Protein backbone atom coordinates (compact mmCIF):
# COMPACT_ATOMS: atom_id res chain seq x y z
CA UNK A 1 74.00 80.30 110.38
CA UNK A 2 76.44 83.08 111.29
CA UNK A 3 79.31 80.62 110.92
CA UNK A 4 78.14 79.67 107.40
CA UNK A 5 77.90 83.35 106.46
CA UNK A 6 81.39 83.97 107.80
CA UNK A 7 82.81 81.01 105.86
CA UNK A 8 81.15 82.25 102.65
CA UNK A 9 82.53 85.75 103.20
CA UNK A 10 86.04 84.42 103.82
CA UNK A 11 85.86 82.32 100.65
CA UNK A 12 84.73 85.35 98.67
CA UNK A 13 87.56 87.46 100.12
CA UNK A 14 90.10 84.75 99.26
CA UNK A 15 88.76 84.57 95.69
CA UNK A 16 88.93 88.36 95.36
CA UNK A 17 92.45 88.44 96.74
CA UNK A 18 93.46 85.74 94.26
CA UNK A 19 91.85 87.62 91.34
CA UNK A 20 93.56 90.89 92.27
CA UNK A 21 96.89 89.12 92.82
CA UNK A 22 96.70 87.60 89.32
CA UNK A 23 95.74 90.95 87.81
CA UNK A 24 98.57 92.81 89.55
CA UNK A 25 101.15 90.12 88.73
CA UNK A 26 100.59 90.91 85.04
CA UNK A 27 100.62 94.69 85.45
CA UNK A 28 103.53 97.06 84.87
CA UNK A 29 105.04 98.93 87.82
CA UNK A 30 103.59 102.14 86.36
CA UNK A 31 100.15 100.55 86.32
CA UNK A 32 100.53 99.43 89.94
CA UNK A 33 101.40 102.98 91.01
CA UNK A 34 98.40 104.28 89.04
CA UNK A 35 96.18 101.73 90.81
CA UNK A 36 97.44 102.98 94.16
CA UNK A 37 96.92 106.64 93.22
CA UNK A 38 93.38 105.91 92.03
CA UNK A 39 92.54 104.95 95.64
CA UNK A 40 93.86 108.18 97.19
CA UNK A 41 91.01 110.02 98.88
CA UNK A 42 88.62 107.08 98.51
CA UNK A 43 86.94 106.79 101.90
CA UNK A 44 84.77 103.78 101.02
CA UNK A 45 85.87 100.49 102.48
CA UNK A 46 84.62 96.94 102.11
CA UNK A 47 86.07 93.47 101.69
CA UNK A 48 86.70 93.98 97.96
CA UNK A 49 88.67 97.15 98.65
CA UNK A 50 90.63 95.39 101.38
CA UNK A 51 91.50 92.52 99.01
CA UNK A 52 92.51 95.01 96.30
CA UNK A 53 94.75 97.03 98.60
CA UNK A 54 96.34 93.96 100.17
CA UNK A 55 97.10 92.36 96.78
CA UNK A 56 98.45 95.65 95.42
CA UNK A 57 100.91 96.20 98.28
CA UNK A 58 101.92 92.52 98.24
CA UNK A 59 102.75 92.75 94.53
CA UNK A 60 104.79 95.92 94.97
CA UNK A 61 106.75 94.27 97.80
CA UNK A 62 107.17 91.06 95.76
CA UNK A 63 108.82 93.15 93.05
CA UNK A 64 111.25 94.67 95.53
CA UNK A 65 109.60 98.08 95.86
CA UNK A 66 110.07 99.82 99.23
CA UNK A 67 106.53 100.77 100.34
CA UNK A 68 107.50 102.20 103.74
CA UNK A 69 106.27 105.67 102.71
CA UNK A 70 102.68 104.35 102.65
CA UNK A 71 102.65 101.15 104.68
CA UNK A 72 103.99 100.11 108.07
CA UNK A 73 103.25 96.44 107.45
CA UNK A 74 99.91 96.64 109.24
CA UNK A 75 98.09 99.54 107.64
CA UNK A 76 98.24 101.43 104.36
CA UNK A 77 97.87 105.19 104.00
CA UNK A 78 96.00 106.51 100.98
CA UNK A 79 96.39 110.12 102.10
CA UNK A 80 98.81 111.13 99.33
CA UNK A 81 99.59 110.29 95.74
CA UNK A 82 102.88 108.49 95.20
CA UNK A 83 105.48 108.12 92.47
CA UNK A 84 108.01 105.37 91.94
CA UNK A 85 111.61 106.39 92.37
CA UNK A 86 113.00 103.73 90.02
CA UNK A 87 116.64 104.33 90.92
CA UNK A 88 115.91 103.53 94.57
CA UNK A 89 112.95 101.19 93.85
CA UNK A 90 110.80 102.94 96.42
CA UNK A 91 107.51 104.79 96.54
CA UNK A 92 107.77 108.47 97.37
CA UNK A 93 105.00 110.82 98.46
CA UNK A 94 104.04 113.44 95.87
CA UNK A 95 103.53 117.05 96.89
C-alpha cells in the first residue's frame, strides 16, 4: 500500500513538473524573474512548490541565465529578491 501511494505521488510530481515546465517555456524572462520573486519569503513547502521551483530554475538555465546567485545546483535560496542583469545574462541579488 505504501508503495502504491509513493508511485501515485511520484506520478503527480512528474505531472506537476511537466505542467510548470510547459508554463515557464512560454513565459518571458521578466515573468520568470517575477515568478521567482513571488516565492521570496514563502516558507511553505510541498511537492507542488518543489516542482514549481525545479521547473523555474531549469527554464532559466535552459535559456542561458546564470543562476549561481541563488542556486548551487542542489538547493535554491529564496532569501532575497533578484533582478536579471541582461547584459551578463545572470540573476543578481537585490538590496
